[in-house]
Amino acid sequence: MNQYLVPANSKKSKLIFGFFTPRDLIVCAVGSTLTLIMLVIIKDPPTWLLLLSVLPLATAALLVFPVANYHNVMQLLINIFDFAVGRKKYYWKGWCVKDGTDE
């Protein structure tokens, strides 16, 4: 019985606050900074301009929101993009194929 079970949350200790990667924090910081700058610059904004100035923070928060089976929405979008622009024809040679190319 020398089996070792890895805990389900073993990789969370490598994340910042158990949730963020450095890239996630950069996205959040940029979104927050842009929103704060826009809110400070614009005095007494109308509703549509207020919503527009909060848009960077809302977008950043949406990107780092966790999704099942992925780290977050940003990682899901990266995987979808990689699949869409990646190679479409995959070559597979099984262990029993003898075509003369693998010598």
PDB file of N, CA and C in Angstrom:
ATOM      1  N   MET A   1       0.819  -1.196   0.000  1.00  0.00           N
ATOM      2  CA  MET A   1       0.000   0.000   0.000  1.00  0.00           C
ATOM      3  C   MET A   1       0.857   1.252   0.000  1.00  0.00           C
ATOM      4  N   ASN A   2       1.832   1.346  -0.874  1.00  0.00           N
ATOM      5  CA  ASN A   2       2.679   2.534  -0.965  1.00  0.00           C
ATOM      6  C   ASN A   2       2.164   3.467  -2.055  1.00  0.00           C
ATOM      7  N   GLN A   3       0.902   3.769  -2.021  1.00  0.00           N
ATOM      8  CA  GLN A   3       0.320   4.666  -3.005  1.00  0.00           C
ATOM      9  C   GLN A   3       0.154   6.040  -2.387  1.00  0.00           C
ATOM     10  N   TYR A   4       0.491   7.049  -3.161  1.00  0.00           N
ATOM     11  CA  TYR A   4       0.371   8.426  -2.691  1.00  0.00           C
ATOM     12  C   TYR A   4      -0.712   9.122  -3.501  1.00  0.00           C
ATOM     13  N   LEU A   5      -1.679   9.671  -2.840  1.00  0.00           N
ATOM     14  CA  LEU A   5      -2.752  10.405  -3.513  1.00  0.00           C
ATOM     15  C   LEU A   5      -2.445  11.894  -3.467  1.00  0.00           C
ATOM     16  N   VAL A   6      -2.478  12.518  -4.624  1.00  0.00           N
ATOM     17  CA  VAL A   6      -2.246  13.956  -4.701  1.00  0.00           C
ATOM     18  C   VAL A   6      -3.542  14.660  -4.354  1.00  0.00           C
ATOM     19  N   PRO A   7      -3.507  15.611  -3.428  1.00  0.00           N
ATOM     20  CA  PRO A   7      -4.736  16.325  -3.097  1.00  0.00           C
ATOM     21  C   PRO A   7      -5.260  17.117  -4.294  1.00  0.00           C
ATOM     22  N   ALA A   8      -6.555  17.321  -4.348  1.00  0.00           N
ATOM     23  CA  ALA A   8      -7.189  18.011  -5.478  1.00  0.00           C
ATOM     24  C   ALA A   8      -6.744  19.462  -5.578  1.00  0.00           C
ATOM     25  N   ASN A   9      -6.368  20.068  -4.473  1.00  0.00           N
ATOM     26  CA  ASN A   9      -5.991  21.486  -4.498  1.00  0.00           C
ATOM     27  C   ASN A   9      -4.489  21.685  -4.381  1.00  0.00           C
ATOM     28  N   SER A  10      -3.683  20.741  -4.818  1.00  0.00           N
ATOM     29  CA  SER A  10      -2.238  20.848  -4.653  1.00  0.00           C
ATOM     30  C   SER A  10      -1.631  21.964  -5.508  1.00  0.00           C
ATOM     31  N   LYS A  11      -2.219  22.292  -6.627  1.00  0.00           N
ATOM     32  CA  LYS A  11      -1.668  23.350  -7.478  1.00  0.00           C
ATOM     33  C   LYS A  11      -2.129  24.737  -7.053  1.00  0.00           C
ATOM     34  N   LYS A  12      -3.111  24.817  -6.175  1.00  0.00           N
ATOM     35  CA  LYS A  12      -3.580  26.128  -5.713  1.00  0.00           C
ATOM     36  C   LYS A  12      -2.508  26.852  -4.926  1.00  0.00           C
ATOM     37  N   SER A  13      -1.588  26.121  -4.317  1.00  0.00           N
ATOM     38  CA  SER A  13      -0.538  26.765  -3.537  1.00  0.00           C
ATOM     39  C   SER A  13       0.443  27.517  -4.426  1.00  0.00           C
ATOM     40  N   LYS A  14       0.486  27.191  -5.710  1.00  0.00           N
ATOM     41  CA  LYS A  14       1.365  27.895  -6.645  1.00  0.00           C
ATOM     42  C   LYS A  14       0.738  29.185  -7.165  1.00  0.00           C
ATOM     43  N   LEU A  15      -0.545  29.389  -6.904  1.00  0.00           N
ATOM     44  CA  LEU A  15      -1.238  30.579  -7.379  1.00  0.00           C
ATOM     45  C   LEU A  15      -1.168  31.688  -6.339  1.00  0.00           C
ATOM     46  N   ILE A  16      -1.276  32.918  -6.771  1.00  0.00           N
ATOM     47  CA  ILE A  16      -1.284  34.071  -5.880  1.00  0.00           C
ATOM     48  C   ILE A  16      -2.666  34.154  -5.249  1.00  0.00           C
ATOM     49  N   PHE A  17      -2.726  34.195  -3.929  1.00  0.00           N
ATOM     50  CA  PHE A  17      -3.973  34.143  -3.158  1.00  0.00           C
ATOM     51  C   PHE A  17      -4.762  32.867  -3.442  1.00  0.00           C
ATOM     52  N   GLY A  18      -4.104  31.835  -3.962  1.00  0.00           N
ATOM     53  CA  GLY A  18      -4.766  30.580  -4.262  1.00  0.00           C
ATOM     54  C   GLY A  18      -5.695  30.648  -5.460  1.00  0.00           C
ATOM     55  N   PHE A  19      -5.650  31.735  -6.219  1.00  0.00           N
ATOM     56  CA  PHE A  19      -6.600  31.894  -7.316  1.00  0.00           C
ATOM     57  C   PHE A  19      -5.977  32.505  -8.571  1.00  0.00           C
ATOM     58  N   PHE A  20      -5.064  33.467  -8.429  1.00  0.00           N
ATOM     59  CA  PHE A  20      -4.569  34.252  -9.559  1.00  0.00           C
ATOM     60  C   PHE A  20      -3.195  33.793 -10.034  1.00  0.00           C
ATOM     61  N   THR A  21      -3.010  33.803 -11.342  1.00  0.00           N
ATOM     62  CA  THR A  21      -1.683  33.685 -11.923  1.00  0.00           C
ATOM     63  C   THR A  21      -1.173  35.116 -12.118  1.00  0.00           C
ATOM     64  N   PRO A  22       0.124  35.298 -12.355  1.00  0.00           N
ATOM     65  CA  PRO A  22       0.613  36.663 -12.598  1.00  0.00           C
ATOM     66  C   PRO A  22      -0.094  37.355 -13.765  1.00  0.00           C
ATOM     67  N   ARG A  23      -0.415  36.601 -14.814  1.00  0.00           N
ATOM     68  CA  ARG A  23      -1.125  37.186 -15.958  1.00  0.00           C
ATOM     69  C   ARG A  23      -2.512  37.664 -15.552  1.00  0.00           C
ATOM     70  N   ASP A  24      -3.192  36.920 -14.688  1.00  0.00           N
ATOM     71  CA  ASP A  24      -4.519  37.325 -14.210  1.00  0.00           C
ATOM     72  C   ASP A  24      -4.430  38.633 -13.427  1.00  0.00           C
ATOM     73  N   LEU A  25      -3.414  38.747 -12.580  1.00  0.00           N
ATOM     74  CA  LEU A  25      -3.255  39.979 -11.801  1.00  0.00           C
ATOM     75  C   LEU A  25      -2.946  41.174 -12.691  1.00  0.00           C
ATOM     76  N   ILE A  26      -2.170  40.946 -13.742  1.00  0.00           N
ATOM     77  CA  ILE A  26      -1.860  42.040 -14.675  1.00  0.00           C
ATOM     78  C   ILE A  26      -3.131  42.502 -15.376  1.00  0.00           C
ATOM     79  N   VAL A  27      -3.959  41.559 -15.822  1.00  0.00           N
ATOM     80  CA  VAL A  27      -5.220  41.909 -16.488  1.00  0.00           C
ATOM     81  C   VAL A  27      -6.118  42.689 -15.528  1.00  0.00           C
ATOM     82  N   CYS A  28      -6.225  42.231 -14.287  1.00  0.00           N
ATOM     83  CA  CYS A  28      -7.054  42.930 -13.296  1.00  0.00           C
ATOM     84  C   CYS A  28      -6.503  44.320 -12.991  1.00  0.00           C
ATOM     85  N   ALA A  29      -5.187  44.422 -12.865  1.00  0.00           N
ATOM     86  CA  ALA A  29      -4.581  45.715 -12.554  1.00  0.00           C
ATOM     87  C   ALA A  29      -4.784  46.716 -13.689  1.00  0.00           C
ATOM     88  N   VAL A  30      -4.621  46.262 -14.912  1.00  0.00           N
ATOM     89  CA  VAL A  30      -4.808  47.162 -16.056  1.00  0.00           C
ATOM     90  C   VAL A  30      -6.263  47.606 -16.152  1.00  0.00           C
ATOM     91  N   GLY A  31      -7.201  46.679 -16.001  1.00  0.00           N
ATOM     92  CA  GLY A  31      -8.617  47.035 -16.051  1.00  0.00           C
ATOM     93  C   GLY A  31      -9.004  47.993 -14.937  1.00  0.00           C
ATOM     94  N   SER A  32      -8.523  47.731 -13.734  1.00  0.00           N
ATOM     95  CA  SER A  32      -8.826  48.611 -12.600  1.00  0.00           C
ATOM     96  C   SER A  32      -8.214  49.995 -12.780  1.00  0.00           C
ATOM     97  N   THR A  33      -6.969  50.027 -13.249  1.00  0.00           N
ATOM     98  CA  THR A  33      -6.296  51.312 -13.447  1.00  0.00           C
ATOM     99  C   THR A  33      -6.999  52.148 -14.510  1.00  0.00           C
ATOM    100  N   LEU A  34      -7.345  51.524 -15.625  1.00  0.00           N
ATOM    101  CA  LEU A  34      -8.049  52.266 -16.676  1.00  0.00           C
ATOM    102  C   LEU A  34      -9.393  52.799 -16.189  1.00  0.00           C
ATOM    103  N   THR A  35     -10.109  51.982 -15.430  1.00  0.00           N
ATOM    104  CA  THR A  35     -11.402  52.419 -14.903  1.00  0.00           C
ATOM    105  C   THR A  35     -11.225  53.585 -13.936  1.00  0.00           C
ATOM    106  N   LEU A  36     -10.259  53.492 -13.039  1.00  0.00           N
ATOM    107  CA  LEU A  36     -10.024  54.582 -12.089  1.00  0.00           C
ATOM    108  C   LEU A  36      -9.610  55.872 -12.787  1.00  0.00           C
ATOM    109  N   ILE A  37      -8.743  55.754 -13.775  1.00  0.00           N
ATOM    110  CA  ILE A  37      -8.316  56.950 -14.515  1.00  0.00           C
ATOM    111  C   ILE A  37      -9.500  57.599 -15.218  1.00  0.00           C
ATOM    112  N   MET A  38     -10.331  56.779 -15.850  1.00  0.00           N
ATOM    113  CA  MET A  38     -11.491  57.333 -16.555  1.00  0.00           C
ATOM    114  C   MET A  38     -12.483  57.963 -15.587  1.00  0.00           C
ATOM    115  N   LEU A  39     -12.676  57.359 -14.415  1.00  0.00           N
ATOM    116  CA  LEU A  39     -13.611  57.924 -13.442  1.00  0.00           C
ATOM    117  C   LEU A  39     -13.081  59.211 -12.830  1.00  0.00           C
ATOM    118  N   VAL A  40     -11.764  59.318 -12.662  1.00  0.00           N
ATOM    119  CA  VAL A  40     -11.181  60.538 -12.094  1.00  0.00           C
ATOM    120  C   VAL A  40     -11.204  61.675 -13.111  1.00  0.00           C
ATOM    121  N   ILE A  41     -10.934  61.363 -14.363  1.00  0.00           N
ATOM    122  CA  ILE A  41     -10.880  62.395 -15.400  1.00  0.00           C
ATOM    123  C   ILE A  41     -12.268  62.969 -15.688  1.00  0.00           C
ATOM    124  N   ILE A  42     -13.253  62.098 -15.764  1.00  0.00           N
ATOM    125  CA  ILE A  42     -14.599  62.531 -16.152  1.00  0.00           C
ATOM    126  C   ILE A  42     -15.361  62.975 -14.903  1.00  0.00           C
ATOM    127  N   LYS A  43     -15.692  64.231 -14.850  1.00  0.00           N
ATOM    128  CA  LYS A  43     -16.462  64.785 -13.727  1.00  0.00           C
ATOM    129  C   LYS A  43     -17.935  64.818 -14.077  1.00  0.00           C
ATOM    130  N   ASP A  44     -18.767  64.310 -13.180  1.00  0.00           N
ATOM    131  CA  ASP A  44     -20.219  64.295 -13.330  1.00  0.00           C
ATOM    132  C   ASP A  44     -20.651  63.721 -14.688  1.00  0.00           C
ATOM    133  N   PRO A  45     -20.324  62.431 -14.925  1.00  0.00           N
ATOM    134  CA  PRO A  45     -20.632  61.846 -16.240  1.00  0.00           C
ATOM    135  C   PRO A  45     -22.097  61.449 -16.363  1.00  0.00           C
ATOM    136  N   PRO A  46     -22.612  61.474 -17.588  1.00  0.00           N
ATOM    137  CA  PRO A  46     -23.949  60.900 -17.807  1.00  0.00           C
ATOM    138  C   PRO A  46     -23.884  59.377 -17.644  1.00  0.00           C
ATOM    139  N   THR A  47     -25.023  58.740 -17.588  1.00  0.00           N
ATOM    140  CA  THR A  47     -25.082  57.305 -17.302  1.00  0.00           C
ATOM    141  C   THR A  47     -24.334  56.477 -18.336  1.00  0.00           C
ATOM    142  N   TRP A  48     -24.490  56.786 -19.600  1.00  0.00           N
ATOM    143  CA  TRP A  48     -23.832  55.995 -20.636  1.00  0.00           C
ATOM    144  C   TRP A  48     -22.320  56.117 -20.556  1.00  0.00           C
ATOM    145  N   LEU A  49     -21.811  57.296 -20.187  1.00  0.00           N
ATOM    146  CA  LEU A  49     -20.370  57.479 -20.063  1.00  0.00           C
ATOM    147  C   LEU A  49     -19.834  56.796 -18.804  1.00  0.00           C
ATOM    148  N   LEU A  50     -20.649  56.760 -17.769  1.00  0.00           N
ATOM    149  CA  LEU A  50     -20.266  56.048 -16.553  1.00  0.00           C
ATOM    150  C   LEU A  50     -20.154  54.551 -16.833  1.00  0.00           C
ATOM    151  N   LEU A  51     -21.111  53.996 -17.563  1.00  0.00           N
ATOM    152  CA  LEU A  51     -21.057  52.581 -17.926  1.00  0.00           C
ATOM    153  C   LEU A  51     -19.859  52.289 -18.835  1.00  0.00           C
ATOM    154  N   LEU A  52     -19.564  53.216 -19.729  1.00  0.00           N
ATOM    155  CA  LEU A  52     -18.419  53.053 -20.612  1.00  0.00           C
ATOM    156  C   LEU A  52     -17.106  53.085 -19.835  1.00  0.00           C
ATOM    157  N   SER A  53     -17.034  53.909 -18.797  1.00  0.00           N
ATOM    158  CA  SER A  53     -15.796  53.997 -18.027  1.00  0.00           C
ATOM    159  C   SER A  53     -15.600  52.808 -17.091  1.00  0.00           C
ATOM    160  N   VAL A  54     -16.668  52.106 -16.754  1.00  0.00           N
ATOM    161  CA  VAL A  54     -16.557  50.914 -15.904  1.00  0.00           C
ATOM    162  C   VAL A  54     -16.313  49.659 -16.760  1.00  0.00           C
ATOM    163  N   LEU A  55     -16.419  49.778 -18.055  1.00  0.00           N
ATOM    164  CA  LEU A  55     -16.266  48.646 -18.957  1.00  0.00           C
ATOM    165  C   LEU A  55     -14.906  47.943 -18.848  1.00  0.00           C
ATOM    166  N   PRO A  56     -13.762  48.636 -18.723  1.00  0.00           N
ATOM    167  CA  PRO A  56     -12.488  47.907 -18.587  1.00  0.00           C
ATOM    168  C   PRO A  56     -12.438  47.003 -17.350  1.00  0.00           C
ATOM    169  N   LEU A  57     -12.936  47.471 -16.235  1.00  0.00           N
ATOM    170  CA  LEU A  57     -12.947  46.653 -15.020  1.00  0.00           C
ATOM    171  C   LEU A  57     -13.895  45.469 -15.170  1.00  0.00           C
ATOM    172  N   ALA A  58     -15.049  45.694 -15.782  1.00  0.00           N
ATOM    173  CA  ALA A  58     -16.003  44.601 -15.986  1.00  0.00           C
ATOM    174  C   ALA A  58     -15.431  43.547 -16.925  1.00  0.00           C
ATOM    175  N   THR A  59     -14.741  43.979 -17.967  1.00  0.00           N
ATOM    176  CA  THR A  59     -14.123  43.040 -18.904  1.00  0.00           C
ATOM    177  C   THR A  59     -13.023  42.234 -18.224  1.00  0.00           C
ATOM    178  N   ALA A  60     -12.182  42.910 -17.439  1.00  0.00           N
ATOM    179  CA  ALA A  60     -11.111  42.216 -16.726  1.00  0.00           C
ATOM    180  C   ALA A  60     -11.679  41.213 -15.726  1.00  0.00           C
ATOM    181  N   ALA A  61     -12.732  41.605 -15.022  1.00  0.00           N
ATOM    182  CA  ALA A  61     -13.348  40.689 -14.055  1.00  0.00           C
ATOM    183  C   ALA A  61     -13.960  39.487 -14.759  1.00  0.00           C
ATOM    184  N   LEU A  62     -14.549  39.691 -15.931  1.00  0.00           N
ATOM    185  CA  LEU A  62     -15.133  38.587 -16.686  1.00  0.00           C
ATOM    186  C   LEU A  62     -14.051  37.622 -17.161  1.00  0.00           C
ATOM    187  N   LEU A  63     -12.892  38.159 -17.565  1.00  0.00           N
ATOM    188  CA  LEU A  63     -11.819  37.303 -18.068  1.00  0.00           C
ATOM    189  C   LEU A  63     -11.210  36.419 -16.979  1.00  0.00           C
ATOM    190  N   VAL A  64     -11.149  36.888 -15.760  1.00  0.00           N
ATOM    191  CA  VAL A  64     -10.541  36.088 -14.689  1.00  0.00           C
ATOM    192  C   VAL A  64     -11.579  35.314 -13.885  1.00  0.00           C
ATOM    193  N   PHE A  65     -12.831  35.330 -14.310  1.00  0.00           N
ATOM    194  CA  PHE A  65     -13.888  34.583 -13.642  1.00  0.00           C
ATOM    195  C   PHE A  65     -13.655  33.090 -13.862  1.00  0.00           C
ATOM    196  N   PRO A  66     -13.725  32.262 -12.817  1.00  0.00           N
ATOM    197  CA  PRO A  66     -13.437  30.831 -12.988  1.00  0.00           C
ATOM    198  C   PRO A  66     -14.525  30.098 -13.766  1.00  0.00           C
ATOM    199  N   VAL A  67     -14.090  29.108 -14.554  1.00  0.00           N
ATOM    200  CA  VAL A  67     -14.988  28.285 -15.358  1.00  0.00           C
ATOM    201  C   VAL A  67     -14.663  26.829 -15.050  1.00  0.00           C
ATOM    202  N   ALA A  68     -15.669  25.981 -15.030  1.00  0.00           N
ATOM    203  CA  ALA A  68     -15.448  24.562 -14.772  1.00  0.00           C
ATOM    204  C   ALA A  68     -14.512  23.953 -15.810  1.00  0.00           C
ATOM    205  N   ASN A  69     -13.596  23.128 -15.370  1.00  0.00           N
ATOM    206  CA  ASN A  69     -12.610  22.418 -16.190  1.00  0.00           C
ATOM    207  C   ASN A  69     -11.558  23.326 -16.812  1.00  0.00           C
ATOM    208  N   TYR A  70     -11.576  24.599 -16.539  1.00  0.00           N
ATOM    209  CA  TYR A  70     -10.555  25.528 -16.995  1.00  0.00           C
ATOM    210  C   TYR A  70     -10.200  26.418 -15.816  1.00  0.00           C
ATOM    211  N   HIS A  71      -9.065  27.123 -15.931  1.00  0.00           N
ATOM    212  CA  HIS A  71      -8.694  28.022 -14.838  1.00  0.00           C
ATOM    213  C   HIS A  71      -9.646  29.207 -14.779  1.00  0.00           C
ATOM    214  N   ASN A  72      -9.872  29.826 -15.931  1.00  0.00           N
ATOM    215  CA  ASN A  72     -10.790  30.961 -15.996  1.00  0.00           C
ATOM    216  C   ASN A  72     -11.248  31.166 -17.436  1.00  0.00           C
ATOM    217  N   VAL A  73     -12.052  32.184 -17.646  1.00  0.00           N
ATOM    218  CA  VAL A  73     -12.604  32.457 -18.975  1.00  0.00           C
ATOM    219  C   VAL A  73     -11.494  32.783 -19.966  1.00  0.00           C
ATOM    220  N   MET A  74     -10.457  33.493 -19.514  1.00  0.00           N
ATOM    221  CA  MET A  74      -9.357  33.844 -20.404  1.00  0.00           C
ATOM    222  C   MET A  74      -8.664  32.583 -20.925  1.00  0.00           C
ATOM    223  N   GLN A  75      -8.439  31.611 -20.071  1.00  0.00           N
ATOM    224  CA  GLN A  75      -7.807  30.353 -20.502  1.00  0.00           C
ATOM    225  C   GLN A  75      -8.719  29.590 -21.464  1.00  0.00           C
ATOM    226  N   LEU A  76     -10.013  29.614 -21.223  1.00  0.00           N
ATOM    227  CA  LEU A  76     -10.965  28.985 -22.134  1.00  0.00           C
ATOM    228  C   LEU A  76     -10.914  29.646 -23.503  1.00  0.00           C
ATOM    229  N   LEU A  77     -10.890  30.974 -23.559  1.00  0.00           N
ATOM    230  CA  LEU A  77     -10.823  31.689 -24.837  1.00  0.00           C
ATOM    231  C   LEU A  77      -9.506  31.414 -25.560  1.00  0.00           C
ATOM    232  N   ILE A  78      -8.400  31.315 -24.818  1.00  0.00           N
ATOM    233  CA  ILE A  78      -7.107  30.996 -25.424  1.00  0.00           C
ATOM    234  C   ILE A  78      -7.151  29.600 -26.038  1.00  0.00           C
ATOM    235  N   ASN A  79      -7.742  28.637 -25.339  1.00  0.00           N
ATOM    236  CA  ASN A  79      -7.844  27.282 -25.872  1.00  0.00           C
ATOM    237  C   ASN A  79      -8.730  27.226 -27.110  1.00  0.00           C
ATOM    238  N   ILE A  80      -9.832  27.961 -27.106  1.00  0.00           N
ATOM    239  CA  ILE A  80     -10.712  28.009 -28.283  1.00  0.00           C
ATOM    240  C   ILE A  80      -9.986  28.636 -29.465  1.00  0.00           C
ATOM    241  N   PHE A  81      -9.249  29.716 -29.220  1.00  0.00           N
ATOM    242  CA  PHE A  81      -8.498  30.381 -30.289  1.00  0.00           C
ATOM    243  C   PHE A  81      -7.410  29.461 -30.840  1.00  0.00           C
ATOM    244  N   ASP A  82      -6.664  28.790 -29.957  1.00  0.00           N
ATOM    245  CA  ASP A  82      -5.626  27.864 -30.413  1.00  0.00           C
ATOM    246  C   ASP A  82      -6.214  26.737 -31.253  1.00  0.00           C
ATOM    247  N   PHE A  83      -7.365  26.237 -30.872  1.00  0.00           N
ATOM    248  CA  PHE A  83      -8.014  25.185 -31.653  1.00  0.00           C
ATOM    249  C   PHE A  83      -8.478  25.722 -33.008  1.00  0.00           C
ATOM    250  N   ALA A  84      -8.989  26.951 -33.039  1.00  0.00           N
ATOM    251  CA  ALA A  84      -9.525  27.518 -34.278  1.00  0.00           C
ATOM    252  C   ALA A  84      -8.421  27.810 -35.292  1.00  0.00           C
ATOM    253  N   VAL A  85      -7.267  28.279 -34.841  1.00  0.00           N
ATOM    254  CA  VAL A  85      -6.206  28.656 -35.779  1.00  0.00           C
ATOM    255  C   VAL A  85      -5.117  27.592 -35.893  1.00  0.00           C
ATOM    256  N   GLY A  86      -5.225  26.535 -35.109  1.00  0.00           N
ATOM    257  CA  GLY A  86      -4.207  25.483 -35.123  1.00  0.00           C
ATOM    258  C   GLY A  86      -4.337  24.559 -36.319  1.00  0.00           C
ATOM    259  N   ARG A  87      -3.506  23.553 -36.320  1.00  0.00           N
ATOM    260  CA  ARG A  87      -3.488  22.588 -37.403  1.00  0.00           C
ATOM    261  C   ARG A  87      -4.779  21.785 -37.407  1.00  0.00           C
ATOM    262  N   LYS A  88      -5.364  21.596 -38.591  1.00  0.00           N
ATOM    263  CA  LYS A  88      -6.642  20.900 -38.703  1.00  0.00           C
ATOM    264  C   LYS A  88      -6.478  19.425 -39.078  1.00  0.00           C
ATOM    265  N   LYS A  89      -5.369  19.072 -39.685  1.00  0.00           N
ATOM    266  CA  LYS A  89      -5.164  17.692 -40.097  1.00  0.00           C
ATOM    267  C   LYS A  89      -4.115  17.074 -39.185  1.00  0.00           C
ATOM    268  N   TYR A  90      -4.524  16.067 -38.456  1.00  0.00           N
ATOM    269  CA  TYR A  90      -3.645  15.418 -37.495  1.00  0.00           C
ATOM    270  C   TYR A  90      -3.208  14.063 -38.032  1.00  0.00           C
ATOM    271  N   TYR A  91      -1.915  13.804 -37.934  1.00  0.00           N
ATOM    272  CA  TYR A  91      -1.369  12.544 -38.395  1.00  0.00           C
ATOM    273  C   TYR A  91      -1.109  11.654 -37.188  1.00  0.00           C
ATOM    274  N   TRP A  92      -1.592  10.443 -37.259  1.00  0.00           N
ATOM    275  CA  TRP A  92      -1.384   9.509 -36.168  1.00  0.00           C
ATOM    276  C   TRP A  92      -0.933   8.188 -36.741  1.00  0.00           C
ATOM    277  N   LYS A  93       0.162   7.697 -36.203  1.00  0.00           N
ATOM    278  CA  LYS A  93       0.631   6.365 -36.575  1.00  0.00           C
ATOM    279  C   LYS A  93       0.613   5.539 -35.304  1.00  0.00           C
ATOM    280  N   GLY A  94      -0.159   4.529 -35.320  1.00  0.00           N
ATOM    281  CA  GLY A  94      -0.254   3.671 -34.148  1.00  0.00           C
ATOM    282  C   GLY A  94       1.010   2.866 -33.953  1.00  0.00           C
ATOM    283  N   TRP A  95       1.077   2.181 -32.863  1.00  0.00           N
ATOM    284  CA  TRP A  95       2.274   1.409 -32.547  1.00  0.00           C
ATOM    285  C   TRP A  95       2.436   0.200 -33.454  1.00  0.00           C
ATOM    286  N   CYS A  96       1.366  -0.174 -34.156  1.00  0.00           N
ATOM    287  CA  CYS A  96       1.442  -1.369 -35.002  1.00  0.00           C
ATOM    288  C   CYS A  96       1.617  -1.031 -36.477  1.00  0.00           C
ATOM    289  N   VAL A  97       1.724   0.260 -36.852  1.00  0.00           N
ATOM    290  CA  VAL A  97       1.831   0.648 -38.251  1.00  0.00           C
ATOM    291  C   VAL A  97       3.275   0.542 -38.693  1.00  0.00           C
ATOM    292  N   LYS A  98       3.499  -0.155 -39.792  1.00  0.00           N
ATOM    293  CA  LYS A  98       4.829  -0.269 -40.397  1.00  0.00           C
ATOM    294  C   LYS A  98       4.726   0.281 -41.803  1.00  0.00           C
ATOM    295  N   ASP A  99       5.074   1.567 -41.990  1.00  0.00           N
ATOM    296  CA  ASP A  99       4.988   2.151 -43.323  1.00  0.00           C
ATOM    297  C   ASP A  99       6.360   2.431 -43.918  1.00  0.00           C
ATOM    298  N   GLY A 100       7.422   2.063 -43.242  1.00  0.00           N
ATOM    299  CA  GLY A 100       8.755   2.226 -43.775  1.00  0.00           C
ATOM    300  C   GLY A 100       9.395   3.568 -43.490  1.00  0.00           C
ATOM    301  N   THR A 101       8.665   4.500 -42.869  1.00  0.00           N
ATOM    302  CA  THR A 101       9.258   5.825 -42.596  1.00  0.00           C
ATOM    303  C   THR A 101       9.948   5.889 -41.244  1.00  0.00           C
ATOM    304  N   ASP A 102       9.640   4.997 -40.346  1.00  0.00           N
ATOM    305  CA  ASP A 102      10.227   5.041 -39.010  1.00  0.00           C
ATOM    306  C   ASP A 102      11.308   3.963 -38.887  1.00  0.00           C
ATOM    307  N   GLU A 103      12.533   4.349 -39.209  1.00  0.00           N
ATOM    308  CA  GLU A 103      13.631   3.384 -39.190  1.00  0.00           C
ATOM    309  C   GLU A 103      14.614   3.728 -38.114  1.00  0.00           C
TER     310      GLU A 103
END
